[in-house]
């Protein structure tokens, strides 16, 4: 409800508490008018409810002063130390390419690039997600699947690492990040060319593998263009005819 109204959870709680207090005061006033009760000061039955409602308002007010959980988690991840960032497992471009070509059913990729970039091209076994999706049920279900190897990727490695740290804070496990981001994957796999420099730098097996992957994976990407982003499911409406 608070998301629909465009307000924070804390502010929504505060507004509900205030509305409850005003409603109680209004009903009590009307009741006294109807019953023609004399004004004898504060009713003894009115006092406990007033105190409890006042406490509820104070708690709700305190909640509005605290940062939203979503904001706090993302800001903490954004300020992560180098050691914390290095603690996130990294998957190399070669390993990811191998798993894609092998149709690894344990693999689940979370693509955090803008939706326009995802629609332009996306890797197989990937879904388009945003940082906000980490706090939603649909994405949580994907991240909670047992036996799945979850790989976070963005255009660069650092952005994906920070989001992986945020996901870990939320309790999700078995998350790794694409080393070098999609930018490096594109350079080492999709746009690979066996240049003299590459031949001097890489061993024969890696050269053969990347040459093959540079032809196979673009085909898989083309087949994956119908993949859809994670969307919120509409709540079922009960009742009706």
Protein backbone atom coordinates (compact mmCIF):
# COMPACT_ATOMS: atom_id res chain seq x y z
CA UNK A 1 0.00 0.00 0.00
CA UNK A 2 2.75 2.49 0.96
CA UNK A 3 4.49 1.79 -2.38
CA UNK A 4 1.27 2.57 -4.24
CA UNK A 5 0.94 5.89 -2.41
CA UNK A 6 4.57 6.73 -3.07
CA UNK A 7 5.50 7.18 0.61
CA UNK A 8 7.99 5.42 2.85
CA UNK A 9 7.00 2.56 5.14
CA UNK A 10 7.73 4.65 8.24
CA UNK A 11 5.69 7.64 7.06
CA UNK A 12 2.83 5.33 6.14
CA UNK A 13 2.88 3.85 9.67
CA UNK A 14 2.90 7.34 11.18
CA UNK A 15 -0.07 8.43 9.08
CA UNK A 16 -2.02 5.31 10.10
CA UNK A 17 -1.30 5.97 13.78
CA UNK A 18 -2.40 9.60 13.49
CA UNK A 19 -5.58 8.62 11.64
CA UNK A 20 -6.32 6.00 14.32
CA UNK A 21 -5.86 8.57 17.10
CA UNK A 22 -8.03 11.17 15.38
CA UNK A 23 -10.70 8.57 14.67
CA UNK A 24 -10.78 7.49 18.30
CA UNK A 25 -11.00 11.08 19.54
CA UNK A 26 -13.74 11.83 17.02
CA UNK A 27 -15.79 8.77 17.94
CA UNK A 28 -15.42 9.53 21.65
CA UNK A 29 -16.54 13.13 21.11
CA UNK A 30 -19.59 12.04 19.11
CA UNK A 31 -20.46 9.42 21.72
CA UNK A 32 -20.37 12.01 24.48
CA UNK A 33 -22.55 14.34 22.43
CA UNK A 34 -25.10 11.64 21.68
CA UNK A 35 -25.24 10.45 25.26
CA UNK A 36 -25.19 14.04 26.53
CA UNK A 37 -22.39 13.14 28.89
CA UNK A 38 -21.26 15.96 31.10
CA UNK A 39 -17.75 17.19 30.69
CA UNK A 40 -16.05 15.64 33.71
CA UNK A 41 -12.51 15.85 32.47
CA UNK A 42 -10.62 12.96 30.97
CA UNK A 43 -12.56 9.69 31.05
CA UNK A 44 -10.72 6.95 32.96
CA UNK A 45 -11.35 4.54 30.05
CA UNK A 46 -10.05 7.07 27.59
CA UNK A 47 -6.66 7.45 29.28
CA UNK A 48 -5.09 4.00 28.58
CA UNK A 49 -6.11 4.07 24.93
CA UNK A 50 -4.75 7.59 24.57
CA UNK A 51 -1.42 6.54 26.07
CA UNK A 52 -1.16 3.48 23.81
CA UNK A 53 -2.09 5.48 20.73
CA UNK A 54 0.42 8.15 21.68
CA UNK A 55 3.14 5.51 22.01
CA UNK A 56 2.18 4.14 18.59
CA UNK A 57 2.55 7.62 17.11
CA UNK A 58 5.97 8.01 18.74
CA UNK A 59 7.13 4.62 17.42
CA UNK A 60 5.88 5.47 13.94
CA UNK A 61 7.58 8.87 14.13
CA UNK A 62 10.83 7.18 15.17
CA UNK A 63 10.47 4.81 12.20
CA UNK A 64 10.24 7.77 9.82
CA UNK A 65 13.54 9.09 11.15
CA UNK A 66 15.33 5.78 10.53
CA UNK A 67 16.62 5.06 7.01
CA UNK A 68 14.55 2.67 4.95
CA UNK A 69 15.95 -0.86 5.01
CA UNK A 70 16.37 -0.80 1.25
CA UNK A 71 18.32 2.45 1.35
CA UNK A 72 20.43 1.34 4.31
CA UNK A 73 21.39 -1.99 2.71
CA UNK A 74 22.31 -0.44 -0.65
CA UNK A 75 24.26 2.42 0.94
CA UNK A 76 26.20 0.01 3.17
CA UNK A 77 27.09 -2.14 0.15
CA UNK A 78 28.12 0.95 -1.80
CA UNK A 79 30.60 1.86 0.94
CA UNK A 80 32.05 -1.65 1.20
CA UNK A 81 35.77 -1.97 1.85
CA UNK A 82 38.17 -3.54 -0.62
CA UNK A 83 38.39 -6.64 1.57
CA UNK A 84 34.60 -6.99 1.59
CA UNK A 85 34.45 -6.63 -2.19
CA UNK A 86 37.21 -9.20 -2.67
CA UNK A 87 35.29 -11.67 -0.49
CA UNK A 88 32.69 -12.10 -3.25
CA UNK A 89 33.55 -15.10 -5.50
CA UNK A 90 34.34 -14.19 -9.11
CA UNK A 91 33.54 -16.25 -12.20
CA UNK A 92 35.83 -15.75 -15.17
CA UNK A 93 34.57 -15.05 -18.67
CA UNK A 94 35.89 -18.44 -19.82
CA UNK A 95 34.06 -20.35 -17.09
CA UNK A 96 30.79 -18.56 -17.76
CA UNK A 97 31.16 -19.15 -21.50
CA UNK A 98 31.80 -22.85 -20.87
CA UNK A 99 28.74 -23.19 -18.64
CA UNK A 100 26.56 -21.42 -21.20
CA UNK A 101 27.76 -23.66 -24.01
CA UNK A 102 27.31 -26.70 -21.78
CA UNK A 103 23.72 -25.61 -20.99
CA UNK A 104 24.41 -25.81 -17.26
CA UNK A 105 20.99 -26.10 -15.62
CA UNK A 106 22.37 -24.96 -12.28
CA UNK A 107 23.30 -21.57 -13.72
CA UNK A 108 21.10 -18.52 -13.08
CA UNK A 109 22.31 -15.10 -14.23
CA UNK A 110 21.04 -11.82 -12.80
CA UNK A 111 21.64 -8.99 -15.25
CA UNK A 112 21.68 -5.57 -13.56
CA UNK A 113 22.23 -3.49 -16.69
CA UNK A 114 19.53 -1.03 -17.80
CA UNK A 115 16.55 -2.75 -19.40
CA UNK A 116 17.35 -1.16 -22.78
CA UNK A 117 20.80 -2.79 -22.77
CA UNK A 118 19.26 -6.11 -21.71
CA UNK A 119 16.78 -5.98 -24.59
CA UNK A 120 19.59 -5.20 -27.00
CA UNK A 121 21.31 -8.45 -26.07
CA UNK A 122 21.38 -10.71 -23.04
CA UNK A 123 23.06 -13.96 -22.13
CA UNK A 124 21.12 -17.22 -21.92
CA UNK A 125 19.79 -18.18 -18.48
CA UNK A 126 19.62 -14.53 -17.48
CA UNK A 127 16.88 -12.30 -16.13
CA UNK A 128 16.84 -8.51 -16.07
CA UNK A 129 16.76 -7.13 -12.53
CA UNK A 130 17.25 -3.80 -10.79
CA UNK A 131 18.68 -3.10 -7.32
CA UNK A 132 15.12 -2.54 -6.08
CA UNK A 133 14.13 -6.02 -7.28
CA UNK A 134 16.41 -7.51 -4.61
CA UNK A 135 13.78 -6.52 -2.04
CA UNK A 136 10.83 -8.03 -3.90
CA UNK A 137 9.29 -11.49 -3.62
CA UNK A 138 9.72 -12.55 -7.25
CA UNK A 139 13.49 -11.97 -7.24
CA UNK A 140 13.79 -13.39 -3.72
CA UNK A 141 12.30 -16.66 -4.97
CA UNK A 142 14.94 -16.89 -7.70
CA UNK A 143 17.74 -16.06 -5.28
CA UNK A 144 16.49 -18.60 -2.75
CA UNK A 145 16.53 -21.58 -5.10
CA UNK A 146 18.72 -24.32 -3.73
CA UNK A 147 21.33 -25.91 -5.95
CA UNK A 148 21.48 -22.88 -8.23
CA UNK A 149 24.67 -21.04 -9.10
CA UNK A 150 23.66 -17.37 -9.08
CA UNK A 151 25.86 -15.02 -11.07
CA UNK A 152 25.45 -11.25 -10.84
CA UNK A 153 26.63 -9.18 -13.76
CA UNK A 154 26.65 -5.56 -14.80
CA UNK A 155 28.59 -3.62 -17.40
CA UNK A 156 31.47 -3.45 -14.90
CA UNK A 157 32.53 -5.79 -12.11
CA UNK A 158 32.39 -3.30 -9.23
CA UNK A 159 28.68 -2.53 -9.63
CA UNK A 160 27.79 -6.22 -9.57
CA UNK A 161 30.02 -6.83 -6.53
CA UNK A 162 28.22 -4.16 -4.50
CA UNK A 163 24.84 -5.64 -5.40
CA UNK A 164 26.09 -9.11 -4.47
CA UNK A 165 27.10 -7.73 -1.07
CA UNK A 166 23.62 -6.25 -0.68
CA UNK A 167 22.10 -9.63 -1.56
CA UNK A 168 24.31 -11.34 1.02
CA UNK A 169 23.17 -8.84 3.65
CA UNK A 170 19.60 -9.87 2.84
CA UNK A 171 20.55 -13.49 3.55
CA UNK A 172 20.97 -14.87 0.03
CA UNK A 173 23.82 -17.30 -0.58
CA UNK A 174 25.85 -18.96 -3.32
CA UNK A 175 26.29 -15.73 -5.29
CA UNK A 176 29.24 -14.94 -7.52
CA UNK A 177 30.04 -12.08 -9.87
CA UNK A 178 31.22 -12.07 -13.47
CA UNK A 179 34.89 -11.06 -13.33
CA UNK A 180 35.47 -7.88 -15.32
CA UNK A 181 31.76 -7.44 -15.96
CA UNK A 182 30.02 -7.89 -19.28
CA UNK A 183 32.50 -5.45 -20.80
CA UNK A 184 35.34 -7.94 -20.30
CA UNK A 185 33.16 -10.88 -21.35
CA UNK A 186 32.42 -9.10 -24.61
CA UNK A 187 36.11 -8.40 -25.17
CA UNK A 188 37.41 -11.86 -24.29
CA UNK A 189 34.59 -14.01 -25.67
CA UNK A 190 32.07 -12.33 -27.95
CA UNK A 191 34.55 -10.15 -29.85
CA UNK A 192 37.50 -12.50 -29.54
CA UNK A 193 39.92 -12.64 -32.43
CA UNK A 194 43.06 -14.86 -32.56
CA UNK A 195 45.42 -11.96 -33.14
CA UNK A 196 49.21 -12.40 -32.87
CA UNK A 197 49.06 -10.67 -29.49
CA UNK A 198 46.40 -13.11 -28.28
CA UNK A 199 48.41 -16.08 -29.56
CA UNK A 200 51.44 -14.93 -27.59
CA UNK A 201 49.40 -14.31 -24.44
CA UNK A 202 47.12 -17.36 -24.36
CA UNK A 203 47.75 -21.09 -24.47
CA UNK A 204 46.52 -23.23 -27.35
CA UNK A 205 43.52 -24.64 -25.47
CA UNK A 206 42.23 -21.17 -24.49
CA UNK A 207 42.68 -19.94 -28.06
CA UNK A 208 40.62 -22.83 -29.45
CA UNK A 209 37.96 -22.47 -26.78
CA UNK A 210 37.50 -18.72 -27.22
CA UNK A 211 37.43 -19.04 -31.00
CA UNK A 212 34.62 -21.59 -30.70
CA UNK A 213 32.77 -19.62 -28.02
CA UNK A 214 32.89 -16.43 -30.10
CA UNK A 215 30.80 -18.23 -32.73
CA UNK A 216 28.49 -20.31 -30.53
CA UNK A 217 27.46 -17.82 -27.83
CA UNK A 218 26.21 -15.10 -30.23
CA UNK A 219 23.80 -17.72 -31.58
CA UNK A 220 22.63 -18.49 -28.04
CA UNK A 221 22.21 -14.76 -27.39
CA UNK A 222 20.03 -14.42 -30.46
CA UNK A 223 17.86 -17.27 -29.23
CA UNK A 224 17.59 -15.61 -25.82
CA UNK A 225 16.13 -12.30 -27.01
CA UNK A 226 12.67 -13.23 -25.77
CA UNK A 227 13.82 -13.41 -22.13
CA UNK A 228 11.74 -11.12 -19.95
CA UNK A 229 12.68 -8.95 -16.97
CA UNK A 230 11.53 -9.81 -13.47
CA UNK A 231 8.09 -8.32 -12.93
CA UNK A 232 5.85 -8.00 -9.94
CA UNK A 233 2.90 -10.33 -10.06
CA UNK A 234 -0.48 -8.66 -9.79
CA UNK A 235 -2.24 -9.55 -6.57
CA UNK A 236 -5.24 -11.78 -6.98
CA UNK A 237 -8.51 -9.94 -6.47
CA UNK A 238 -10.93 -11.91 -4.35
CA UNK A 239 -14.68 -11.66 -4.60
CA UNK A 240 -16.67 -10.38 -7.52
CA UNK A 241 -19.47 -12.00 -9.43
